[in-house]
Amino acid sequence: MMRFFSINALGFTAPTAAFFFLVCLNFSGCYSFKGISIPTDVNTYYVELFENQAAASTPTLPRDFTEKLKDKIRRESRLRYTDEDPDIEFSGAITQFSVSAEAPKVNEQIGFNRLTITVTVSFVNNKNEKANWKQQFSFDDSFAPDQNLLDVQDALIETISNELVERIFNRAFTNW
C-alpha cells in the first residue's frame, strides 16, 4: 500500500502549515539567484554615453541605452554611480541598427522582418586590469512583413535593449 506524504507526519498542525506556506510564498520574491559577483573593493561605476556608429539608428538610442545600463547597475548592485575616479567603467558604441527581410521557407506563405541592434562594450576594472574586456553584443526581434517599422520600432527597441543590457550586466557581474 502506498502512503502519501502528510504535513502531520512532520508534526505541523493545519494552521501552522498554512502559515509556513504563506511565509515561504511571501519571501519567494525577495531572494535573487542572479549570482552577482562584485569584489569588495569595487564600490563605484561609470557609464560613458554610448556613441552612435550605426547609420540608421534612432537619434535617442545611444542616450536611452546608456541610461538603461546605468539604471540596471544602480537597481541590481550595491555600486554607486560616479564620474570621478570610478572603480569600474563602461563605454561603447551602437554599431549596428538594421532591418532585414527574412524570406519564407519552402511551403510557407509569409516571411518576417527582423530588427537587429549590435553594441560594442568596453569594460574597465580600475582595481584589477585582468578583469577588463571588450565584447560585441547583438540581439534581434522580428515583426510581421505587413507592419511598418515606425509603428513597432519603439517596442522592438525596448525589447532588444533590455536583452542587451541584461547580457552586458551578466558578463560584467556574474560568473556565467
C-alpha atoms as a PDB file:
ATOM      1  CA  MET A   1       0.000   0.000   0.000  1.00  0.00           C
ATOM      2  CA  MET A   2       1.348   3.399  -0.985  1.00  0.00           C
ATOM      3  CA  ARG A   3       1.452   6.196   1.603  1.00  0.00           C
ATOM      4  CA  PHE A   4       1.370   9.851   0.698  1.00  0.00           C
ATOM      5  CA  PHE A   5       3.456  12.446   2.492  1.00  0.00           C
ATOM      6  CA  SER A   6       1.491  14.194   5.195  1.00  0.00           C
ATOM      7  CA  ILE A   7       2.061  17.517   6.902  1.00  0.00           C
ATOM      8  CA  ASN A   8       1.040  15.857  10.154  1.00  0.00           C
ATOM      9  CA  ALA A   9       3.988  13.462   9.785  1.00  0.00           C
ATOM     10  CA  LEU A  10       6.229  16.461  10.442  1.00  0.00           C
ATOM     11  CA  GLY A  11       4.244  17.468  13.488  1.00  0.00           C
ATOM     12  CA  PHE A  12       2.645  20.538  11.903  1.00  0.00           C
ATOM     13  CA  THR A  13      -0.942  21.442  12.591  1.00  0.00           C
ATOM     14  CA  ALA A  14      -3.025  22.717   9.677  1.00  0.00           C
ATOM     15  CA  PRO A  15      -2.821  26.393  10.793  1.00  0.00           C
ATOM     16  CA  THR A  16       0.956  26.117  11.300  1.00  0.00           C
ATOM     17  CA  ALA A  17       1.411  24.535   7.879  1.00  0.00           C
ATOM     18  CA  ALA A  18      -0.734  27.231   6.262  1.00  0.00           C
ATOM     19  CA  PHE A  19       1.279  29.965   7.999  1.00  0.00           C
ATOM     20  CA  PHE A  20       4.576  28.348   6.914  1.00  0.00           C
ATOM     21  CA  PHE A  21       3.323  28.122   3.321  1.00  0.00           C
ATOM     22  CA  LEU A  22       2.292  31.806   3.291  1.00  0.00           C
ATOM     23  CA  VAL A  23       5.634  32.894   4.743  1.00  0.00           C
ATOM     24  CA  CYS A  24       7.510  30.888   2.082  1.00  0.00           C
ATOM     25  CA  LEU A  25       5.289  32.311  -0.635  1.00  0.00           C
ATOM     26  CA  ASN A  26       5.838  35.842   0.647  1.00  0.00           C
ATOM     27  CA  PHE A  27       9.634  35.531   0.689  1.00  0.00           C
ATOM     28  CA  SER A  28       9.920  33.706  -2.617  1.00  0.00           C
ATOM     29  CA  GLY A  29      10.252  37.009  -4.470  1.00  0.00           C
ATOM     30  CA  CYS A  30      12.735  38.556  -2.037  1.00  0.00           C
ATOM     31  CA  TYR A  31      15.791  36.470  -2.774  1.00  0.00           C
ATOM     32  CA  SER A  32      17.667  36.771  -6.034  1.00  0.00           C
ATOM     33  CA  PHE A  33      19.545  33.937  -7.677  1.00  0.00           C
ATOM     34  CA  LYS A  34      21.389  36.266 -10.025  1.00  0.00           C
ATOM     35  CA  GLY A  35      24.800  35.226  -8.738  1.00  0.00           C
ATOM     36  CA  ILE A  36      26.210  38.745  -8.774  1.00  0.00           C
ATOM     37  CA  SER A  37      29.914  38.689  -8.012  1.00  0.00           C
ATOM     38  CA  ILE A  38      31.466  42.083  -7.286  1.00  0.00           C
ATOM     39  CA  PRO A  39      34.782  42.267  -5.417  1.00  0.00           C
ATOM     40  CA  THR A  40      34.517  44.067  -2.086  1.00  0.00           C
ATOM     41  CA  ASP A  41      37.000  46.756  -3.136  1.00  0.00           C
ATOM     42  CA  VAL A  42      34.805  47.762  -6.111  1.00  0.00           C
ATOM     43  CA  ASN A  43      32.253  50.347  -4.967  1.00  0.00           C
ATOM     44  CA  THR A  44      31.646  52.776  -7.819  1.00  0.00           C
ATOM     45  CA  TYR A  45      30.857  52.678 -11.527  1.00  0.00           C
ATOM     46  CA  TYR A  46      30.593  54.981 -14.501  1.00  0.00           C
ATOM     47  CA  VAL A  47      28.830  54.526 -17.838  1.00  0.00           C
ATOM     48  CA  GLU A  48      30.051  56.787 -20.624  1.00  0.00           C
ATOM     49  CA  LEU A  49      27.486  57.913 -23.177  1.00  0.00           C
ATOM     50  CA  PHE A  50      27.422  55.262 -25.906  1.00  0.00           C
ATOM     51  CA  GLU A  51      28.413  56.538 -29.348  1.00  0.00           C
ATOM     52  CA  ASN A  52      26.149  56.159 -32.337  1.00  0.00           C
ATOM     53  CA  GLN A  53      28.095  54.475 -35.132  1.00  0.00           C
ATOM     54  CA  ALA A  54      25.044  52.912 -36.798  1.00  0.00           C
ATOM     55  CA  ALA A  55      23.835  54.890 -39.758  1.00  0.00           C
ATOM     56  CA  ALA A  56      20.141  54.087 -39.455  1.00  0.00           C
ATOM     57  CA  SER A  57      19.562  54.151 -35.690  1.00  0.00           C
ATOM     58  CA  THR A  58      17.177  56.476 -33.933  1.00  0.00           C
ATOM     59  CA  PRO A  59      18.820  59.658 -32.614  1.00  0.00           C
ATOM     60  CA  THR A  60      17.888  58.944 -28.987  1.00  0.00           C
ATOM     61  CA  LEU A  61      19.044  55.303 -28.919  1.00  0.00           C
ATOM     62  CA  PRO A  62      22.567  55.924 -27.550  1.00  0.00           C
ATOM     63  CA  ARG A  63      21.300  58.110 -24.696  1.00  0.00           C
ATOM     64  CA  ASP A  64      18.395  55.784 -23.889  1.00  0.00           C
ATOM     65  CA  PHE A  65      20.647  52.722 -23.969  1.00  0.00           C
ATOM     66  CA  THR A  66      23.245  54.385 -21.720  1.00  0.00           C
ATOM     67  CA  GLU A  67      20.563  55.329 -19.185  1.00  0.00           C
ATOM     68  CA  LYS A  68      19.099  51.827 -19.257  1.00  0.00           C
ATOM     69  CA  LEU A  69      22.507  50.300 -18.441  1.00  0.00           C
ATOM     70  CA  LYS A  70      23.127  52.826 -15.647  1.00  0.00           C
ATOM     71  CA  ASP A  71      19.704  52.111 -14.142  1.00  0.00           C
ATOM     72  CA  LYS A  72      20.198  48.336 -14.294  1.00  0.00           C
ATOM     73  CA  ILE A  73      23.501  48.551 -12.402  1.00  0.00           C
ATOM     74  CA  ARG A  74      22.049  51.003  -9.869  1.00  0.00           C
ATOM     75  CA  ARG A  75      18.980  48.833  -9.219  1.00  0.00           C
ATOM     76  CA  GLU A  76      20.641  45.417  -9.121  1.00  0.00           C
ATOM     77  CA  SER A  77      24.008  46.011  -7.497  1.00  0.00           C
ATOM     78  CA  ARG A  78      25.400  47.809  -4.483  1.00  0.00           C
ATOM     79  CA  LEU A  79      27.551  50.071  -6.651  1.00  0.00           C
ATOM     80  CA  ARG A  80      27.260  53.861  -6.575  1.00  0.00           C
ATOM     81  CA  TYR A  81      27.400  55.943  -9.740  1.00  0.00           C
ATOM     82  CA  THR A  82      30.198  58.489 -10.051  1.00  0.00           C
ATOM     83  CA  ASP A  83      32.007  60.210 -12.881  1.00  0.00           C
ATOM     84  CA  GLU A  84      35.117  60.917 -10.780  1.00  0.00           C
ATOM     85  CA  ASP A  85      37.660  58.110 -10.458  1.00  0.00           C
ATOM     86  CA  PRO A  86      35.206  55.166 -10.705  1.00  0.00           C
ATOM     87  CA  ASP A  87      36.268  51.631  -9.828  1.00  0.00           C
ATOM     88  CA  ILE A  88      34.699  50.225 -12.997  1.00  0.00           C
ATOM     89  CA  GLU A  89      33.782  51.894 -16.275  1.00  0.00           C
ATOM     90  CA  PHE A  90      31.596  51.000 -19.230  1.00  0.00           C
ATOM     91  CA  SER A  91      31.918  52.617 -22.641  1.00  0.00           C
ATOM     92  CA  GLY A  92      30.928  51.620 -26.110  1.00  0.00           C
ATOM     93  CA  ALA A  93      29.008  52.239 -29.265  1.00  0.00           C
ATOM     94  CA  ILE A  94      25.853  51.254 -31.084  1.00  0.00           C
ATOM     95  CA  THR A  95      27.494  49.670 -34.124  1.00  0.00           C
ATOM     96  CA  GLN A  96      24.520  48.191 -35.961  1.00  0.00           C
ATOM     97  CA  PHE A  97      20.862  49.085 -36.299  1.00  0.00           C
ATOM     98  CA  SER A  98      19.465  47.222 -39.271  1.00  0.00           C
ATOM     99  CA  VAL A  99      16.239  45.834 -40.624  1.00  0.00           C
ATOM    100  CA  SER A 100      16.307  42.752 -42.785  1.00  0.00           C
ATOM    101  CA  ALA A 101      13.568  40.867 -44.562  1.00  0.00           C
ATOM    102  CA  GLU A 102      13.639  37.158 -43.893  1.00  0.00           C
ATOM    103  CA  ALA A 103      12.273  35.098 -46.744  1.00  0.00           C
ATOM    104  CA  PRO A 104       9.753  32.360 -46.050  1.00  0.00           C
ATOM    105  CA  LYS A 105      10.881  28.770 -46.039  1.00  0.00           C
ATOM    106  CA  VAL A 106       9.621  26.247 -48.567  1.00  0.00           C
ATOM    107  CA  ASN A 107       5.815  25.804 -48.426  1.00  0.00           C
ATOM    108  CA  GLU A 108       5.371  28.887 -46.218  1.00  0.00           C
ATOM    109  CA  GLN A 109       3.426  31.918 -47.363  1.00  0.00           C
ATOM    110  CA  ILE A 110       4.840  34.707 -45.226  1.00  0.00           C
ATOM    111  CA  GLY A 111       8.300  35.699 -44.114  1.00  0.00           C
ATOM    112  CA  PHE A 112       9.053  38.317 -41.494  1.00  0.00           C
ATOM    113  CA  ASN A 113      11.202  41.346 -40.866  1.00  0.00           C
ATOM    114  CA  ARG A 114      13.943  41.486 -38.290  1.00  0.00           C
ATOM    115  CA  LEU A 115      15.406  44.463 -36.425  1.00  0.00           C
ATOM    116  CA  THR A 116      18.958  43.822 -35.203  1.00  0.00           C
ATOM    117  CA  ILE A 117      20.880  46.037 -32.797  1.00  0.00           C
ATOM    118  CA  THR A 118      24.547  45.444 -32.036  1.00  0.00           C
ATOM    119  CA  VAL A 119      26.617  47.215 -29.399  1.00  0.00           C
ATOM    120  CA  THR A 120      30.317  47.026 -28.678  1.00  0.00           C
ATOM    121  CA  VAL A 121      31.131  47.388 -24.986  1.00  0.00           C
ATOM    122  CA  SER A 122      34.417  48.029 -23.204  1.00  0.00           C
ATOM    123  CA  PHE A 123      34.550  47.149 -19.511  1.00  0.00           C
ATOM    124  CA  VAL A 124      37.419  48.570 -17.488  1.00  0.00           C
ATOM    125  CA  ASN A 125      38.058  47.484 -13.926  1.00  0.00           C
ATOM    126  CA  ASN A 126      40.408  50.080 -12.447  1.00  0.00           C
ATOM    127  CA  LYS A 127      41.059  47.816  -9.442  1.00  0.00           C
ATOM    128  CA  ASN A 128      42.013  44.746 -11.489  1.00  0.00           C
ATOM    129  CA  GLU A 129      43.039  45.189 -15.102  1.00  0.00           C
ATOM    130  CA  LYS A 130      42.953  41.410 -15.683  1.00  0.00           C
ATOM    131  CA  ALA A 131      39.158  41.695 -15.445  1.00  0.00           C
ATOM    132  CA  ASN A 132      38.956  44.145 -18.380  1.00  0.00           C
ATOM    133  CA  TRP A 133      37.174  43.057 -21.537  1.00  0.00           C
ATOM    134  CA  LYS A 134      35.758  44.296 -24.805  1.00  0.00           C
ATOM    135  CA  GLN A 135      32.897  42.432 -26.431  1.00  0.00           C
ATOM    136  CA  GLN A 136      30.215  42.789 -29.053  1.00  0.00           C
ATOM    137  CA  PHE A 137      26.610  42.043 -28.068  1.00  0.00           C
ATOM    138  CA  SER A 138      23.823  41.601 -30.593  1.00  0.00           C
ATOM    139  CA  PHE A 139      20.134  40.813 -30.375  1.00  0.00           C
ATOM    140  CA  ASP A 140      17.216  40.936 -32.761  1.00  0.00           C
ATOM    141  CA  ASP A 141      13.444  40.832 -32.724  1.00  0.00           C
ATOM    142  CA  SER A 142      11.002  40.100 -35.524  1.00  0.00           C
ATOM    143  CA  PHE A 143       7.895  41.804 -36.796  1.00  0.00           C
ATOM    144  CA  ALA A 144       5.331  40.945 -39.435  1.00  0.00           C
ATOM    145  CA  PRO A 145       6.018  41.950 -43.045  1.00  0.00           C
ATOM    146  CA  ASP A 146       2.761  43.905 -43.203  1.00  0.00           C
ATOM    147  CA  GLN A 147       3.790  46.102 -40.243  1.00  0.00           C
ATOM    148  CA  ASN A 148       5.519  49.437 -40.727  1.00  0.00           C
ATOM    149  CA  LEU A 149       8.780  49.660 -38.764  1.00  0.00           C
ATOM    150  CA  LEU A 150       7.829  53.104 -37.432  1.00  0.00           C
ATOM    151  CA  ASP A 151       4.688  51.600 -35.867  1.00  0.00           C
ATOM    152  CA  VAL A 152       6.565  48.868 -33.948  1.00  0.00           C
ATOM    153  CA  GLN A 153      10.030  50.393 -33.610  1.00  0.00           C
ATOM    154  CA  ASP A 154       9.719  51.671 -30.029  1.00  0.00           C
ATOM    155  CA  ALA A 155       8.526  48.311 -28.683  1.00  0.00           C
ATOM    156  CA  LEU A 156      11.215  46.424 -30.616  1.00  0.00           C
ATOM    157  CA  ILE A 157      13.968  48.745 -29.395  1.00  0.00           C
ATOM    158  CA  GLU A 158      12.727  48.362 -25.811  1.00  0.00           C
ATOM    159  CA  THR A 159      12.781  44.548 -26.026  1.00  0.00           C
ATOM    160  CA  ILE A 160      16.167  44.401 -27.730  1.00  0.00           C
ATOM    161  CA  SER A 161      17.755  46.994 -25.418  1.00  0.00           C
ATOM    162  CA  ASN A 162      16.518  45.168 -22.322  1.00  0.00           C
ATOM    163  CA  GLU A 163      18.093  41.924 -23.532  1.00  0.00           C
ATOM    164  CA  LEU A 164      21.374  43.599 -24.461  1.00  0.00           C
ATOM    165  CA  VAL A 165      21.617  45.341 -21.088  1.00  0.00           C
ATOM    166  CA  GLU A 166      20.889  42.041 -19.328  1.00  0.00           C
ATOM    167  CA  ARG A 167      23.680  40.323 -21.270  1.00  0.00           C
ATOM    168  CA  ILE A 168      26.151  43.124 -20.553  1.00  0.00           C
ATOM    169  CA  PHE A 169      25.247  43.093 -16.855  1.00  0.00           C
ATOM    170  CA  ASN A 170      25.666  39.311 -16.680  1.00  0.00           C
ATOM    171  CA  ARG A 171      29.028  39.472 -18.455  1.00  0.00           C
ATOM    172  CA  ALA A 172      30.267  42.143 -16.047  1.00  0.00           C
ATOM    173  CA  PHE A 173      28.878  40.920 -12.738  1.00  0.00           C
ATOM    174  CA  THR A 174      28.214  37.198 -12.822  1.00  0.00           C
ATOM    175  CA  ASN A 175      30.325  34.120 -13.263  1.00  0.00           C
ATOM    176  CA  TRP A 176      28.312  32.752 -16.185  1.00  0.00           C
END
